[in-house]
Protein backbone atom coordinates (compact mmCIF):
# COMPACT_ATOMS: atom_id res chain seq x y z
CA UNK A 1 -3.10 -3.97 -19.15
CA UNK A 2 -0.52 -3.69 -21.89
CA UNK A 3 2.29 -4.12 -19.39
CA UNK A 4 0.91 -6.73 -16.98
CA UNK A 5 -1.94 -8.37 -18.85
CA UNK A 6 -5.66 -8.28 -18.31
CA UNK A 7 -6.97 -9.21 -14.86
CA UNK A 8 -10.17 -11.21 -14.53
CA UNK A 9 -11.48 -8.91 -11.78
CA UNK A 10 -10.62 -5.34 -10.81
CA UNK A 11 -11.43 -4.55 -7.17
CA UNK A 12 -11.70 -0.99 -5.90
CA UNK A 13 -13.54 1.20 -3.44
CA UNK A 14 -16.58 3.30 -4.29
CA UNK A 15 -14.80 6.62 -4.78
CA UNK A 16 -16.14 8.76 -7.60
CA UNK A 17 -12.95 8.37 -9.62
CA UNK A 18 -13.52 4.59 -9.67
CA UNK A 19 -17.28 4.56 -10.27
CA UNK A 20 -17.38 6.87 -13.27
CA UNK A 21 -18.47 5.28 -16.54
CA UNK A 22 -15.28 6.62 -18.11
CA UNK A 23 -13.19 4.46 -15.73
CA UNK A 24 -15.40 1.38 -15.45
CA UNK A 25 -16.14 1.41 -19.18
CA UNK A 26 -12.49 0.76 -20.01
CA UNK A 27 -12.58 -2.28 -17.77
CA UNK A 28 -15.91 -3.69 -18.89
CA UNK A 29 -15.07 -3.09 -22.56
CA UNK A 30 -11.98 -5.26 -21.99
CA UNK A 31 -14.14 -8.00 -20.46
CA UNK A 32 -12.94 -7.35 -16.90
CA UNK A 33 -15.39 -7.78 -14.04
CA UNK A 34 -15.55 -4.77 -11.70
CA UNK A 35 -15.86 -5.49 -7.99
CA UNK A 36 -16.44 -2.64 -5.56
CA UNK A 37 -16.02 -2.79 -1.83
CA UNK A 38 -19.14 -2.19 0.17
CA UNK A 39 -19.73 0.88 2.25
CA UNK A 40 -17.51 0.97 5.32
CA UNK A 41 -14.92 -1.44 3.91
CA UNK A 42 -12.24 1.21 4.30
CA UNK A 43 -11.26 -0.66 7.45
CA UNK A 44 -9.87 -3.46 5.28
CA UNK A 45 -7.20 -1.02 4.12
CA UNK A 46 -6.50 0.76 7.41
CA UNK A 47 -2.94 -0.56 7.72
CA UNK A 48 -1.88 0.48 4.24
CA UNK A 49 -3.67 3.81 4.64
CA UNK A 50 -1.61 4.44 7.79
CA UNK A 51 1.57 3.58 5.89
CA UNK A 52 0.73 6.08 3.12
CA UNK A 53 -0.15 8.74 5.69
CA UNK A 54 3.17 8.24 7.47
CA UNK A 55 5.06 8.28 4.17
CA UNK A 56 3.44 11.52 3.09
CA UNK A 57 3.86 13.41 6.37
CA UNK A 58 7.27 12.06 7.39
CA UNK A 59 8.92 12.06 3.97
CA UNK A 60 7.19 13.37 0.87
CA UNK A 61 5.77 16.63 2.22
CA UNK A 62 9.04 17.45 4.01
CA UNK A 63 11.35 16.75 1.08
CA UNK A 64 9.63 18.41 -1.91
CA UNK A 65 11.36 16.13 -4.40
CA UNK A 66 12.14 17.83 -7.70
CA UNK A 67 12.48 14.79 -9.95
CA UNK A 68 11.13 11.28 -10.13
CA UNK A 69 14.55 9.80 -9.45
CA UNK A 70 14.92 11.95 -6.31
CA UNK A 71 11.49 10.81 -5.14
CA UNK A 72 12.30 7.15 -5.81
CA UNK A 73 15.58 7.35 -3.87
CA UNK A 74 14.13 9.38 -1.01
CA UNK A 75 11.05 7.20 -0.61
CA UNK A 76 13.24 4.09 -0.79
CA UNK A 77 15.40 5.43 2.05
CA UNK A 78 12.30 6.23 4.11
CA UNK A 79 10.81 2.75 3.56
CA UNK A 80 14.11 1.20 4.69
CA UNK A 81 14.00 3.44 7.79
CA UNK A 82 10.34 2.59 8.38
CA UNK A 83 11.04 -1.14 8.30
CA UNK A 84 14.41 -1.31 10.06
CA UNK A 85 14.71 1.64 12.46
CA UNK A 86 11.35 3.27 13.20
CA UNK A 87 9.63 1.76 16.25
CA UNK A 88 5.92 1.00 15.84
CA UNK A 89 3.52 1.26 18.76
CA UNK A 90 1.30 -1.43 17.22
CA UNK A 91 4.29 -3.79 17.37
CA UNK A 92 5.13 -3.07 20.98
CA UNK A 93 7.92 -0.67 20.04
CA UNK A 94 9.57 -3.10 17.62
CA UNK A 95 10.39 -2.35 14.01
CA UNK A 96 8.55 -4.40 11.37
CA UNK A 97 11.79 -6.28 10.66
CA UNK A 98 12.21 -7.19 14.33
CA UNK A 99 8.60 -8.33 14.62
CA UNK A 100 8.88 -10.39 11.43
CA UNK A 101 12.12 -12.07 12.51
CA UNK A 102 10.71 -12.81 15.96
CA UNK A 103 7.63 -14.45 14.44
CA UNK A 104 9.70 -16.39 11.90
CA UNK A 105 11.98 -17.62 14.68
CA UNK A 106 8.96 -18.82 16.70
CA UNK A 107 7.54 -20.63 13.68
CA UNK A 108 10.88 -22.36 13.00
CA UNK A 109 11.14 -23.49 16.62
CA UNK A 110 7.60 -24.87 16.53
CA UNK A 111 8.28 -26.90 13.38
């Protein structure tokens, strides 16, 4: 909050680390409304959860970074690879960059 300001609402899932009075108390004491996703709403985050899983298994666990700067550089390289070189089955074998450019091109042609 000191760095980015106070949000009006803090949304989270119902994990124990987020439902404890120690955590929620800090928010409510600051006048922040706490919103928790309902049971089964994990599906809303399935795409980002898959990204984190891929990052962990394809990069972090294999590299054993020793410092924060090594982790930042290594993860940055992996994210570049993930977006520009790694084919994704959900995108028909395209990279995210290719899929994005293809969609942007279609939108420009339609305009």
